[in-house]
Amino acid sequence: MMSTRAERIEQALRVAFSPTLLAVEDESRRHAKHADKFDLPAGETHYVVTMVAESLRPLSRLERSRAVHEALAAEFKGGLHALSLKLSVPEAP
């Protein structure tokens, strides 16, 4: 069965980061005119990822972003165009 890009993104991030919170939202519909302008495929091109993971703690903000982009390299090669990231670590008890 073929999975959606959102499902593949979620799976890749779960494997790479073991997050305690992960939300993947497809915002492609909000960018339909943008996709037309740049000859992008319709849908599944723009996402917002909210993730909380302890594994991000030792990383700077830039390193966190780079690590997520690296984990999703195959999706970028396959048509993922834009990714908005909200990355954080769990708060201390």
Protein backbone atom coordinates (compact mmCIF):
# COMPACT_ATOMS: atom_id res chain seq x y z
CA MET A 1 0.00 0.00 0.00
CA MET A 2 1.34 3.45 -0.95
CA SER A 3 1.82 5.82 1.98
CA THR A 4 1.37 9.57 1.94
CA ARG A 5 4.35 11.88 2.16
CA ALA A 6 3.16 12.96 5.63
CA GLU A 7 3.25 9.33 6.78
CA ARG A 8 6.74 8.85 5.34
CA ILE A 9 7.96 12.06 6.97
CA GLU A 10 6.53 10.95 10.31
CA GLN A 11 8.10 7.50 10.04
CA ALA A 12 11.53 8.86 9.08
CA LEU A 13 11.52 11.34 11.97
CA ARG A 14 10.35 8.72 14.49
CA VAL A 15 13.20 6.43 13.46
CA ALA A 16 15.83 9.19 13.44
CA PHE A 17 14.85 11.10 16.59
CA SER A 18 12.46 9.02 18.79
CA PRO A 19 10.35 12.11 19.54
CA THR A 20 7.98 12.40 22.49
CA LEU A 21 5.76 14.66 20.38
CA LEU A 22 5.51 14.75 16.61
CA ALA A 23 2.99 16.49 14.38
CA VAL A 24 3.26 16.67 10.59
CA GLU A 25 0.84 19.02 8.84
CA ASP A 26 0.44 19.21 5.07
CA GLU A 27 0.06 22.88 4.10
CA SER A 28 0.36 22.31 0.37
CA ARG A 29 -3.18 23.57 -0.29
CA ARG A 30 -2.12 27.00 1.02
CA HIS A 31 0.64 27.12 -1.58
CA ALA A 32 -1.19 25.93 -4.69
CA LYS A 33 -0.41 29.10 -6.69
CA HIS A 34 3.21 28.87 -5.59
CA ALA A 35 3.37 25.28 -6.88
CA ASP A 36 1.93 26.35 -10.24
CA LYS A 37 4.41 29.21 -10.55
CA PHE A 38 7.42 26.97 -9.94
CA ASP A 39 6.08 23.93 -11.82
CA LEU A 40 5.90 21.78 -8.69
CA PRO A 41 3.70 18.71 -8.38
CA ALA A 42 0.23 19.37 -6.99
CA GLY A 43 -0.04 18.61 -3.28
CA GLU A 44 2.34 17.03 -0.78
CA THR A 45 4.98 19.74 -1.25
CA HIS A 46 4.75 22.01 1.84
CA TYR A 47 4.76 20.78 5.45
CA VAL A 48 4.97 22.04 9.01
CA VAL A 49 6.72 19.71 11.44
CA THR A 50 6.44 20.18 15.19
CA MET A 51 8.74 17.86 17.10
CA VAL A 52 9.92 17.50 20.69
CA ALA A 53 12.80 15.07 21.13
CA GLU A 54 15.47 14.55 23.76
CA SER A 55 17.88 13.53 20.99
CA LEU A 56 17.87 17.18 19.81
CA ARG A 57 19.26 18.49 23.11
CA PRO A 58 22.98 18.55 22.22
CA LEU A 59 22.31 20.22 18.87
CA SER A 60 22.19 23.93 18.09
CA ARG A 61 19.15 25.32 16.31
CA LEU A 62 20.95 25.13 12.96
CA GLU A 63 22.20 21.59 13.63
CA ARG A 64 18.66 20.49 14.50
CA SER A 65 17.34 21.83 11.21
CA ARG A 66 20.16 20.22 9.26
CA ALA A 67 19.58 16.86 10.99
CA VAL A 68 15.88 16.91 10.07
CA HIS A 69 16.66 17.84 6.47
CA GLU A 70 19.19 15.01 6.31
CA ALA A 71 16.64 12.53 7.69
CA LEU A 72 14.21 13.66 4.98
CA ALA A 73 16.69 13.84 2.08
CA ALA A 74 14.80 11.21 0.08
CA GLU A 75 11.58 13.21 0.38
CA PHE A 76 13.28 16.39 -0.84
CA LYS A 77 14.61 14.46 -3.82
CA GLY A 78 11.08 13.18 -4.44
CA GLY A 79 9.26 16.50 -4.54
CA LEU A 80 9.14 17.88 -0.99
CA HIS A 81 9.62 21.61 -1.55
CA ALA A 82 9.26 23.41 1.78
CA LEU A 83 9.47 22.45 5.41
CA SER A 84 8.66 24.71 8.35
CA LEU A 85 10.24 23.34 11.53
CA LYS A 86 9.27 23.84 15.16
CA LEU A 87 11.89 21.80 17.00
CA SER A 88 12.43 21.63 20.75
CA VAL A 89 13.53 19.41 23.63
CA PRO A 90 11.41 18.25 26.56
CA GLU A 91 11.33 20.65 29.49
CA ALA A 92 13.10 19.58 32.66
CA PRO A 93 10.73 18.21 35.35
